[in-house]
Amino acid sequence: MTGHDNHHAHRIEDRRRLIAVLALTTTLLVVEAVGGWLTNSLALLSDAAHMLTDVAALALGLFAIWFAMRPPTPKNTYGFYRAEILAALANSVTLIIIAAVIFYEAYRRFLDPPEVNSLPMLIVAAVGLAANVAGVVILSRGHLENLNVRGVLLHVIGDALASLGVIGAGVVMLTTGWYYADPIISALIGCLILYSAWRLVAASVAVLLQGTPAGVDLDAVTAKMREVEGVENVCDVHIWTLTSGVHIMSGHVVIGDWSDAQRVLIEVRRLLQEHFGIDHCTIEVDTAETASAECPL
């Protein structure tokens, strides 16, 4: 099976997992929103708001997977793989916005904490935790090198931890009547959301800026290429990510004899695929006489 076939099969599997989690999350969103409204719990409403971003993230992720599977066109010769990275970036932005809203509401409630109906809040939060754990299990069995899927998983993990926080706040309020626990836990949930968002923003922007992929050592790549018999120099090497799990490389290889060109190309491409998982590479072969000034011996 080729690299393209593998990525296509992975996306079909990821789509099935996302659909299952979308159905689960949508149901939980309704339960938590109604429960938060009836119990007057900001922590529960905050978790429901995060659920809303999860639903949007899942829907956007599914759209991105479908869009990325469209074939290349003359105007989009790489296809639409970058749609997945844009979806991951959009998800991270929604996380930042929802965290800001939670911080604001927590501040307001900390000034004047209202009474919260703690027992129903606990029950709803427990149901939410169970559903979130199920969602994490479903997604974690997928392909986490995909930034789009990883972004959705971060949403769901954040919800699971948030549900734990809501349960803790409910226990405190039920046993002590200390209603400051509600806005405090809400603010902590906001911090958790913000941290997850920042990590996803950093990963998405690194791809869009065509940075060297995480886990790929540029020096190790060039060193491995120099091991090929007949290679005298390697230079002008660039490695970047097209989409999650799809790395592209370009570079110059200086050889001593033109008659070695085909053998060297075949061997270099084999090493790049076997050792670094790079299936897409464009390599220019030069000799010492034809190498450009940018590629000195």
C-alpha atoms as a PDB file:
ATOM      1  CA  MET A   1       0.000   0.000   0.000  1.00  0.00           C
ATOM      2  CA  THR A   2       1.400   3.421  -0.955  1.00  0.00           C
ATOM      3  CA  GLY A   3       1.764   6.411   1.374  1.00  0.00           C
ATOM      4  CA  HIS A   4      -1.254   8.079  -0.277  1.00  0.00           C
ATOM      5  CA  ASP A   5      -3.352   4.930   0.207  1.00  0.00           C
ATOM      6  CA  ASN A   6      -2.365   4.734   3.868  1.00  0.00           C
ATOM      7  CA  HIS A   7      -3.284   8.362   4.529  1.00  0.00           C
ATOM      8  CA  HIS A   8      -6.603   7.873   2.730  1.00  0.00           C
ATOM      9  CA  ALA A   9      -7.429   4.779   4.797  1.00  0.00           C
ATOM     10  CA  HIS A  10      -6.460   6.555   8.019  1.00  0.00           C
ATOM     11  CA  ARG A  11      -8.746   9.465   7.208  1.00  0.00           C
ATOM     12  CA  ILE A  12     -11.699   7.146   6.599  1.00  0.00           C
ATOM     13  CA  GLU A  13     -11.077   5.503   9.984  1.00  0.00           C
ATOM     14  CA  ASP A  14     -10.657   8.897  11.690  1.00  0.00           C
ATOM     15  CA  ARG A  15     -13.945  10.060  10.161  1.00  0.00           C
ATOM     16  CA  ARG A  16     -15.839   7.114  11.662  1.00  0.00           C
ATOM     17  CA  ARG A  17     -14.402   7.863  15.091  1.00  0.00           C
ATOM     18  CA  LEU A  18     -15.242  11.549  14.842  1.00  0.00           C
ATOM     19  CA  ILE A  19     -18.851  10.798  13.874  1.00  0.00           C
ATOM     20  CA  ALA A  20     -19.269   8.528  16.919  1.00  0.00           C
ATOM     21  CA  VAL A  21     -17.815  11.140  19.273  1.00  0.00           C
ATOM     22  CA  LEU A  22     -19.907  13.901  17.660  1.00  0.00           C
ATOM     23  CA  ALA A  23     -23.133  12.034  18.451  1.00  0.00           C
ATOM     24  CA  LEU A  24     -21.981  11.424  22.034  1.00  0.00           C
ATOM     25  CA  THR A  25     -20.839  15.011  22.580  1.00  0.00           C
ATOM     26  CA  THR A  26     -23.979  16.588  21.137  1.00  0.00           C
ATOM     27  CA  THR A  27     -26.131  14.574  23.511  1.00  0.00           C
ATOM     28  CA  LEU A  28     -23.952  15.517  26.462  1.00  0.00           C
ATOM     29  CA  LEU A  29     -24.014  19.191  25.462  1.00  0.00           C
ATOM     30  CA  VAL A  30     -27.801  19.290  25.771  1.00  0.00           C
ATOM     31  CA  VAL A  31     -27.738  17.456  29.122  1.00  0.00           C
ATOM     32  CA  GLU A  32     -25.097  19.755  30.646  1.00  0.00           C
ATOM     33  CA  ALA A  33     -26.630  22.975  29.301  1.00  0.00           C
ATOM     34  CA  VAL A  34     -30.040  22.118  30.735  1.00  0.00           C
ATOM     35  CA  GLY A  35     -28.480  20.868  33.969  1.00  0.00           C
ATOM     36  CA  GLY A  36     -26.352  23.993  34.367  1.00  0.00           C
ATOM     37  CA  TRP A  37     -29.333  26.253  33.771  1.00  0.00           C
ATOM     38  CA  LEU A  38     -31.543  24.436  36.255  1.00  0.00           C
ATOM     39  CA  THR A  39     -28.894  24.190  38.972  1.00  0.00           C
ATOM     40  CA  ASN A  40     -27.463  27.709  38.435  1.00  0.00           C
ATOM     41  CA  SER A  41     -23.944  26.268  38.172  1.00  0.00           C
ATOM     42  CA  LEU A  42     -21.404  28.316  36.201  1.00  0.00           C
ATOM     43  CA  ALA A  43     -18.968  25.390  36.304  1.00  0.00           C
ATOM     44  CA  LEU A  44     -21.533  23.164  34.616  1.00  0.00           C
ATOM     45  CA  LEU A  45     -22.478  25.873  32.121  1.00  0.00           C
ATOM     46  CA  SER A  46     -18.767  26.443  31.416  1.00  0.00           C
ATOM     47  CA  ASP A  47     -18.366  22.767  30.686  1.00  0.00           C
ATOM     48  CA  ALA A  48     -21.440  22.911  28.439  1.00  0.00           C
ATOM     49  CA  ALA A  49     -19.942  25.902  26.618  1.00  0.00           C
ATOM     50  CA  HIS A  50     -16.772  23.916  26.107  1.00  0.00           C
ATOM     51  CA  MET A  51     -18.969  21.107  24.801  1.00  0.00           C
ATOM     52  CA  LEU A  52     -20.377  23.535  22.241  1.00  0.00           C
ATOM     53  CA  THR A  53     -16.862  24.202  20.963  1.00  0.00           C
ATOM     54  CA  ASP A  54     -16.340  20.429  20.880  1.00  0.00           C
ATOM     55  CA  VAL A  55     -19.384  19.992  18.664  1.00  0.00           C
ATOM     56  CA  ALA A  56     -18.116  22.749  16.382  1.00  0.00           C
ATOM     57  CA  ALA A  57     -14.620  21.245  16.419  1.00  0.00           C
ATOM     58  CA  LEU A  58     -15.938  17.802  15.529  1.00  0.00           C
ATOM     59  CA  ALA A  59     -18.132  19.147  12.744  1.00  0.00           C
ATOM     60  CA  LEU A  60     -15.251  21.230  11.397  1.00  0.00           C
ATOM     61  CA  GLY A  61     -12.899  18.275  11.696  1.00  0.00           C
ATOM     62  CA  LEU A  62     -15.247  16.031   9.744  1.00  0.00           C
ATOM     63  CA  PHE A  63     -15.598  18.674   7.048  1.00  0.00           C
ATOM     64  CA  ALA A  64     -11.820  19.068   6.873  1.00  0.00           C
ATOM     65  CA  ILE A  65     -11.292  15.309   6.487  1.00  0.00           C
ATOM     66  CA  TRP A  66     -13.870  15.169   3.685  1.00  0.00           C
ATOM     67  CA  PHE A  67     -12.338  18.218   2.002  1.00  0.00           C
ATOM     68  CA  ALA A  68      -8.786  16.903   2.332  1.00  0.00           C
ATOM     69  CA  MET A  69      -9.775  13.653   0.605  1.00  0.00           C
ATOM     70  CA  ARG A  70     -10.718  15.515  -2.583  1.00  0.00           C
ATOM     71  CA  PRO A  71      -8.304  14.822  -5.455  1.00  0.00           C
ATOM     72  CA  PRO A  72      -5.718  17.390  -6.585  1.00  0.00           C
ATOM     73  CA  THR A  73      -6.629  19.850  -9.340  1.00  0.00           C
ATOM     74  CA  PRO A  74      -4.511  21.861 -11.791  1.00  0.00           C
ATOM     75  CA  LYS A  75      -4.909  24.878  -9.495  1.00  0.00           C
ATOM     76  CA  ASN A  76      -4.342  22.878  -6.292  1.00  0.00           C
ATOM     77  CA  THR A  77      -1.686  20.389  -7.249  1.00  0.00           C
ATOM     78  CA  TYR A  78      -1.149  19.219  -3.656  1.00  0.00           C
ATOM     79  CA  GLY A  79      -4.882  18.721  -3.176  1.00  0.00           C
ATOM     80  CA  PHE A  80      -6.611  20.132  -0.095  1.00  0.00           C
ATOM     81  CA  TYR A  81      -4.630  18.571   2.733  1.00  0.00           C
ATOM     82  CA  ARG A  82      -4.023  21.923   4.405  1.00  0.00           C
ATOM     83  CA  ALA A  83      -7.756  22.146   5.191  1.00  0.00           C
ATOM     84  CA  GLU A  84      -7.052  19.888   8.168  1.00  0.00           C
ATOM     85  CA  ILE A  85      -4.413  22.263   9.535  1.00  0.00           C
ATOM     86  CA  LEU A  86      -6.715  25.247   9.080  1.00  0.00           C
ATOM     87  CA  ALA A  87      -9.440  23.354  10.952  1.00  0.00           C
ATOM     88  CA  ALA A  88      -7.049  22.643  13.823  1.00  0.00           C
ATOM     89  CA  LEU A  89      -6.093  26.333  13.957  1.00  0.00           C
ATOM     90  CA  ALA A  90      -9.755  27.388  13.920  1.00  0.00           C
ATOM     91  CA  ASN A  91     -10.482  24.968  16.766  1.00  0.00           C
ATOM     92  CA  SER A  92      -7.697  26.467  18.849  1.00  0.00           C
ATOM     93  CA  VAL A  93      -9.032  29.985  18.297  1.00  0.00           C
ATOM     94  CA  THR A  94     -12.497  28.940  19.501  1.00  0.00           C
ATOM     95  CA  LEU A  95     -10.883  27.458  22.602  1.00  0.00           C
ATOM     96  CA  ILE A  96      -9.195  30.775  23.396  1.00  0.00           C
ATOM     97  CA  ILE A  97     -12.441  32.701  22.969  1.00  0.00           C
ATOM     98  CA  ILE A  98     -14.426  30.353  25.191  1.00  0.00           C
ATOM     99  CA  ALA A  99     -11.709  30.519  27.868  1.00  0.00           C
ATOM    100  CA  ALA A 100     -11.969  34.325  27.887  1.00  0.00           C
ATOM    101  CA  VAL A 101     -15.755  34.124  28.365  1.00  0.00           C
ATOM    102  CA  ILE A 102     -15.335  31.676  31.253  1.00  0.00           C
ATOM    103  CA  PHE A 103     -12.781  33.938  32.963  1.00  0.00           C
ATOM    104  CA  TYR A 104     -15.153  36.885  32.718  1.00  0.00           C
ATOM    105  CA  GLU A 105     -18.134  34.982  34.117  1.00  0.00           C
ATOM    106  CA  ALA A 106     -16.012  33.472  36.894  1.00  0.00           C
ATOM    107  CA  TYR A 107     -14.861  36.971  37.897  1.00  0.00           C
ATOM    108  CA  ARG A 108     -18.454  38.190  38.069  1.00  0.00           C
ATOM    109  CA  ARG A 109     -19.540  35.246  40.209  1.00  0.00           C
ATOM    110  CA  PHE A 110     -16.550  35.525  42.492  1.00  0.00           C
ATOM    111  CA  LEU A 111     -17.663  39.037  43.404  1.00  0.00           C
ATOM    112  CA  ASP A 112     -21.110  37.778  44.377  1.00  0.00           C
ATOM    113  CA  PRO A 113     -21.337  33.944  44.359  1.00  0.00           C
ATOM    114  CA  PRO A 114     -24.946  32.763  43.886  1.00  0.00           C
ATOM    115  CA  GLU A 115     -26.408  29.635  45.465  1.00  0.00           C
ATOM    116  CA  VAL A 116     -25.992  26.471  43.419  1.00  0.00           C
ATOM    117  CA  ASN A 117     -28.194  23.367  43.512  1.00  0.00           C
ATOM    118  CA  SER A 118     -25.254  21.059  44.131  1.00  0.00           C
ATOM    119  CA  LEU A 119     -26.687  17.523  44.096  1.00  0.00           C
ATOM    120  CA  PRO A 120     -28.223  17.639  40.595  1.00  0.00           C
ATOM    121  CA  MET A 121     -25.059  19.385  39.450  1.00  0.00           C
ATOM    122  CA  LEU A 122     -23.020  16.435  40.739  1.00  0.00           C
ATOM    123  CA  ILE A 123     -25.195  13.923  38.927  1.00  0.00           C
ATOM    124  CA  VAL A 124     -24.984  15.749  35.604  1.00  0.00           C
ATOM    125  CA  ALA A 125     -21.219  16.185  35.972  1.00  0.00           C
ATOM    126  CA  ALA A 126     -20.790  12.466  36.658  1.00  0.00           C
ATOM    127  CA  VAL A 127     -22.722  11.623  33.483  1.00  0.00           C
ATOM    128  CA  GLY A 128     -20.554  14.121  31.609  1.00  0.00           C
ATOM    129  CA  LEU A 129     -17.365  12.552  32.909  1.00  0.00           C
ATOM    130  CA  ALA A 130     -18.440   9.082  31.796  1.00  0.00           C
ATOM    131  CA  ALA A 131     -19.328  10.330  28.320  1.00  0.00           C
ATOM    132  CA  ASN A 132     -16.070  12.267  27.996  1.00  0.00           C
ATOM    133  CA  VAL A 133     -13.994   9.271  29.012  1.00  0.00           C
ATOM    134  CA  ALA A 134     -15.774   7.222  26.342  1.00  0.00           C
ATOM    135  CA  GLY A 135     -14.974   9.918  23.770  1.00  0.00           C
ATOM    136  CA  VAL A 136     -11.302   9.979  24.776  1.00  0.00           C
ATOM    137  CA  VAL A 137     -11.073   6.194  24.422  1.00  0.00           C
ATOM    138  CA  ILE A 138     -12.638   6.299  20.937  1.00  0.00           C
ATOM    139  CA  LEU A 139     -10.368   9.070  19.647  1.00  0.00           C
ATOM    140  CA  SER A 140      -7.146   7.862  21.286  1.00  0.00           C
ATOM    141  CA  ARG A 141      -7.359   4.681  19.224  1.00  0.00           C
ATOM    142  CA  GLY A 142      -7.137   6.797  16.064  1.00  0.00           C
ATOM    143  CA  HIS A 143      -4.126   8.383  14.400  1.00  0.00           C
ATOM    144  CA  LEU A 144      -2.853  11.074  16.745  1.00  0.00           C
ATOM    145  CA  GLU A 145      -0.188  12.309  14.314  1.00  0.00           C
ATOM    146  CA  ASN A 146      -3.146  13.980  12.599  1.00  0.00           C
ATOM    147  CA  LEU A 147      -3.341  17.508  14.050  1.00  0.00           C
ATOM    148  CA  ASN A 148      -7.023  17.729  13.242  1.00  0.00           C
ATOM    149  CA  VAL A 149      -7.877  14.590  15.261  1.00  0.00           C
ATOM    150  CA  ARG A 150      -5.446  15.601  17.992  1.00  0.00           C
ATOM    151  CA  GLY A 151      -7.169  18.987  18.241  1.00  0.00           C
ATOM    152  CA  VAL A 152     -10.546  17.343  18.738  1.00  0.00           C
ATOM    153  CA  LEU A 153      -9.045  14.924  21.266  1.00  0.00           C
ATOM    154  CA  LEU A 154      -7.657  17.871  23.250  1.00  0.00           C
ATOM    155  CA  HIS A 155     -11.166  19.305  23.387  1.00  0.00           C
ATOM    156  CA  VAL A 156     -12.568  16.057  24.776  1.00  0.00           C
ATOM    157  CA  ILE A 157      -9.725  15.528  27.259  1.00  0.00           C
ATOM    158  CA  GLY A 158     -10.254  19.071  28.471  1.00  0.00           C
ATOM    159  CA  ASP A 159     -13.931  18.301  28.983  1.00  0.00           C
ATOM    160  CA  ALA A 160     -13.149  15.148  30.943  1.00  0.00           C
ATOM    161  CA  LEU A 161     -10.828  17.058  33.279  1.00  0.00           C
ATOM    162  CA  ALA A 162     -13.365  19.864  33.500  1.00  0.00           C
ATOM    163  CA  SER A 163     -16.049  17.363  34.516  1.00  0.00           C
ATOM    164  CA  LEU A 164     -13.759  16.157  37.306  1.00  0.00           C
ATOM    165  CA  GLY A 165     -13.416  19.755  38.446  1.00  0.00           C
ATOM    166  CA  VAL A 166     -17.170  20.253  38.373  1.00  0.00           C
ATOM    167  CA  ILE A 167     -17.636  17.112  40.474  1.00  0.00           C
ATOM    168  CA  GLY A 168     -15.082  18.405  42.974  1.00  0.00           C
ATOM    169  CA  ALA A 169     -16.823  21.777  43.187  1.00  0.00           C
ATOM    170  CA  GLY A 170     -20.179  20.048  43.622  1.00  0.00           C
ATOM    171  CA  VAL A 171     -18.862  17.972  46.515  1.00  0.00           C
ATOM    172  CA  VAL A 172     -17.444  21.059  48.235  1.00  0.00           C
ATOM    173  CA  MET A 173     -20.644  23.063  47.829  1.00  0.00           C
ATOM    174  CA  LEU A 174     -22.867  20.167  48.870  1.00  0.00           C
ATOM    175  CA  THR A 175     -20.899  19.450  52.059  1.00  0.00           C
ATOM    176  CA  THR A 176     -19.837  22.971  53.113  1.00  0.00           C
ATOM    177  CA  GLY A 177     -22.103  25.420  51.290  1.00  0.00           C
ATOM    178  CA  TRP A 178     -18.989  27.311  50.106  1.00  0.00           C
ATOM    179  CA  TYR A 179     -20.236  28.600  46.741  1.00  0.00           C
ATOM    180  CA  TYR A 180     -16.935  30.241  45.822  1.00  0.00           C
ATOM    181  CA  ALA A 181     -15.930  26.763  44.637  1.00  0.00           C
ATOM    182  CA  ASP A 182     -18.097  27.212  41.527  1.00  0.00           C
ATOM    183  CA  PRO A 183     -16.285  30.248  40.004  1.00  0.00           C
ATOM    184  CA  ILE A 184     -12.882  28.998  41.190  1.00  0.00           C
ATOM    185  CA  ILE A 185     -13.299  25.659  39.409  1.00  0.00           C
ATOM    186  CA  SER A 186     -14.651  27.497  36.371  1.00  0.00           C
ATOM    187  CA  ALA A 187     -11.495  29.645  36.210  1.00  0.00           C
ATOM    188  CA  LEU A 188      -9.318  26.532  36.493  1.00  0.00           C
ATOM    189  CA  ILE A 189     -11.270  24.982  33.617  1.00  0.00           C
ATOM    190  CA  GLY A 190     -10.562  28.138  31.629  1.00  0.00           C
ATOM    191  CA  CYS A 191      -6.823  27.810  32.324  1.00  0.00           C
ATOM    192  CA  LEU A 192      -6.905  24.198  31.166  1.00  0.00           C
ATOM    193  CA  ILE A 193      -8.684  25.187  27.956  1.00  0.00           C
ATOM    194  CA  LEU A 194      -6.200  28.009  27.330  1.00  0.00           C
ATOM    195  CA  TYR A 195      -3.200  25.693  27.752  1.00  0.00           C
ATOM    196  CA  SER A 196      -4.624  23.154  25.297  1.00  0.00           C
ATOM    197  CA  ALA A 197      -5.410  25.925  22.827  1.00  0.00           C
ATOM    198  CA  TRP A 198      -1.878  27.329  22.973  1.00  0.00           C
ATOM    199  CA  ARG A 199      -0.299  23.958  22.231  1.00  0.00           C
ATOM    200  CA  LEU A 200      -2.596  23.450  19.257  1.00  0.00           C
ATOM    201  CA  VAL A 201      -1.950  26.970  17.941  1.00  0.00           C
ATOM    202  CA  ALA A 202       1.811  26.398  18.132  1.00  0.00           C
ATOM    203  CA  ALA A 203       1.603  23.079  16.271  1.00  0.00           C
ATOM    204  CA  SER A 204      -0.733  24.451  13.574  1.00  0.00           C
ATOM    205  CA  VAL A 205       1.278  27.623  12.987  1.00  0.00           C
ATOM    206  CA  ALA A 206       4.499  25.597  12.743  1.00  0.00           C
ATOM    207  CA  VAL A 207       2.951  23.631   9.868  1.00  0.00           C
ATOM    208  CA  LEU A 208       1.592  26.730   8.129  1.00  0.00           C
ATOM    209  CA  LEU A 209       5.019  28.435   8.421  1.00  0.00           C
ATOM    210  CA  GLN A 210       6.564  25.308   6.870  1.00  0.00           C
ATOM    211  CA  GLY A 211       8.817  24.666   9.835  1.00  0.00           C
ATOM    212  CA  THR A 212      10.824  21.465  10.141  1.00  0.00           C
ATOM    213  CA  PRO A 213       8.389  18.781  11.388  1.00  0.00           C
ATOM    214  CA  ALA A 214       8.529  17.887  15.065  1.00  0.00           C
ATOM    215  CA  GLY A 215      10.540  14.711  15.538  1.00  0.00           C
ATOM    216  CA  VAL A 216      12.569  15.205  12.342  1.00  0.00           C
ATOM    217  CA  ASP A 217      16.223  16.170  12.848  1.00  0.00           C
ATOM    218  CA  LEU A 218      17.472  18.076   9.813  1.00  0.00           C
ATOM    219  CA  ASP A 219      21.122  17.319  10.635  1.00  0.00           C
ATOM    220  CA  ALA A 220      20.329  13.614  10.940  1.00  0.00           C
ATOM    221  CA  VAL A 221      18.606  13.672   7.544  1.00  0.00           C
ATOM    222  CA  THR A 222      21.548  15.295   5.771  1.00  0.00           C
ATOM    223  CA  ALA A 223      23.994  12.989   7.553  1.00  0.00           C
ATOM    224  CA  LYS A 224      22.054   9.933   6.393  1.00  0.00           C
ATOM    225  CA  MET A 225      22.011  11.227   2.809  1.00  0.00           C
ATOM    226  CA  ARG A 226      25.788  11.714   2.907  1.00  0.00           C
ATOM    227  CA  GLU A 227      26.192   8.044   3.804  1.00  0.00           C
ATOM    228  CA  VAL A 228      25.139   7.044   0.276  1.00  0.00           C
ATOM    229  CA  GLU A 229      28.116   5.962  -1.787  1.00  0.00           C
ATOM    230  CA  GLY A 230      28.985   8.537  -4.419  1.00  0.00           C
ATOM    231  CA  VAL A 231      27.511  11.519  -2.530  1.00  0.00           C
ATOM    232  CA  GLU A 232      30.123  14.218  -1.970  1.00  0.00           C
ATOM    233  CA  ASN A 233      27.916  16.901  -0.447  1.00  0.00           C
ATOM    234  CA  VAL A 234      24.306  17.601   0.576  1.00  0.00           C
ATOM    235  CA  CYS A 235      22.964  21.135   0.871  1.00  0.00           C
ATOM    236  CA  ASP A 236      19.940  23.437   0.527  1.00  0.00           C
ATOM    237  CA  VAL A 237      17.790  20.857   2.315  1.00  0.00           C
ATOM    238  CA  HIS A 238      14.257  21.886   3.319  1.00  0.00           C
ATOM    239  CA  ILE A 239      11.729  19.686   5.114  1.00  0.00           C
ATOM    240  CA  TRP A 240       8.187  20.742   5.902  1.00  0.00           C
ATOM    241  CA  THR A 241       4.749  19.299   6.593  1.00  0.00           C
ATOM    242  CA  LEU A 242       1.963  19.338   4.025  1.00  0.00           C
ATOM    243  CA  THR A 243      -0.567  18.007   6.503  1.00  0.00           C
ATOM    244  CA  SER A 244      -0.436  15.771   9.560  1.00  0.00           C
ATOM    245  CA  GLY A 245       1.791  12.783   8.841  1.00  0.00           C
ATOM    246  CA  VAL A 246       2.747  13.933   5.310  1.00  0.00           C
ATOM    247  CA  HIS A 247       6.263  15.404   5.156  1.00  0.00           C
ATOM    248  CA  ILE A 248       7.929  16.894   2.074  1.00  0.00           C
ATOM    249  CA  MET A 249      11.624  17.380   1.420  1.00  0.00           C
ATOM    250  CA  SER A 250      13.706  19.151  -1.215  1.00  0.00           C
ATOM    251  CA  GLY A 251      17.456  19.460  -1.515  1.00  0.00           C
ATOM    252  CA  HIS A 252      20.645  19.277  -3.544  1.00  0.00           C
ATOM    253  CA  VAL A 253      22.972  16.303  -3.747  1.00  0.00           C
ATOM    254  CA  VAL A 254      26.463  16.746  -5.186  1.00  0.00           C
ATOM    255  CA  ILE A 255      27.968  13.615  -6.719  1.00  0.00           C
ATOM    256  CA  GLY A 256      31.336  12.870  -8.279  1.00  0.00           C
ATOM    257  CA  ASP A 257      30.161  11.151 -11.457  1.00  0.00           C
ATOM    258  CA  TRP A 258      26.998  11.698 -13.513  1.00  0.00           C
ATOM    259  CA  SER A 259      26.810   7.969 -14.175  1.00  0.00           C
ATOM    260  CA  ASP A 260      25.933   7.474 -10.481  1.00  0.00           C
ATOM    261  CA  ALA A 261      22.953   9.844 -10.577  1.00  0.00           C
ATOM    262  CA  GLN A 262      20.121   7.301 -10.897  1.00  0.00           C
ATOM    263  CA  ARG A 263      21.560   4.918  -8.310  1.00  0.00           C
ATOM    264  CA  VAL A 264      22.164   7.744  -5.839  1.00  0.00           C
ATOM    265  CA  LEU A 265      18.629   9.107  -6.257  1.00  0.00           C
ATOM    266  CA  ILE A 266      17.079   5.695  -5.674  1.00  0.00           C
ATOM    267  CA  GLU A 267      19.189   5.057  -2.576  1.00  0.00           C
ATOM    268  CA  VAL A 268      18.613   8.527  -1.081  1.00  0.00           C
ATOM    269  CA  ARG A 269      14.847   8.248  -1.525  1.00  0.00           C
ATOM    270  CA  ARG A 270      14.856   4.791   0.066  1.00  0.00           C
ATOM    271  CA  LEU A 271      16.760   6.039   3.110  1.00  0.00           C
ATOM    272  CA  LEU A 272      14.474   9.062   3.529  1.00  0.00           C
ATOM    273  CA  GLN A 273      11.388   6.858   3.461  1.00  0.00           C
ATOM    274  CA  GLU A 274      12.740   4.103   5.704  1.00  0.00           C
ATOM    275  CA  HIS A 275      14.420   6.247   8.364  1.00  0.00           C
ATOM    276  CA  PHE A 276      12.321   9.424   8.424  1.00  0.00           C
ATOM    277  CA  GLY A 277       8.975   8.518   6.827  1.00  0.00           C
ATOM    278  CA  ILE A 278       9.446  11.090   4.036  1.00  0.00           C
ATOM    279  CA  ASP A 279       7.612   9.829   0.941  1.00  0.00           C
ATOM    280  CA  HIS A 280       7.596  13.067  -1.049  1.00  0.00           C
ATOM    281  CA  CYS A 281      11.035  14.406  -1.990  1.00  0.00           C
ATOM    282  CA  THR A 282      12.457  16.518  -4.786  1.00  0.00           C
ATOM    283  CA  ILE A 283      16.216  16.128  -5.141  1.00  0.00           C
ATOM    284  CA  GLU A 284      18.419  18.043  -7.564  1.00  0.00           C
ATOM    285  CA  VAL A 285      21.623  16.248  -8.514  1.00  0.00           C
ATOM    286  CA  ASP A 286      24.756  18.209  -9.376  1.00  0.00           C
ATOM    287  CA  THR A 287      28.424  17.527  -9.812  1.00  0.00           C
ATOM    288  CA  ALA A 288      31.174  19.688  -8.378  1.00  0.00           C
ATOM    289  CA  GLU A 289      31.441  21.487 -11.744  1.00  0.00           C
ATOM    290  CA  THR A 290      27.722  22.328 -11.999  1.00  0.00           C
ATOM    291  CA  ALA A 291      26.862  22.954  -8.321  1.00  0.00           C
ATOM    292  CA  SER A 292      25.668  26.468  -7.663  1.00  0.00           C
ATOM    293  CA  ALA A 293      27.453  28.942  -5.417  1.00  0.00           C
ATOM    294  CA  GLU A 294      24.811  28.286  -2.739  1.00  0.00           C
ATOM    295  CA  CYS A 295      25.913  24.657  -2.569  1.00  0.00           C
ATOM    296  CA  PRO A 296      29.717  24.761  -2.103  1.00  0.00           C
ATOM    297  CA  LEU A 297      31.801  21.668  -1.516  1.00  0.00           C
END
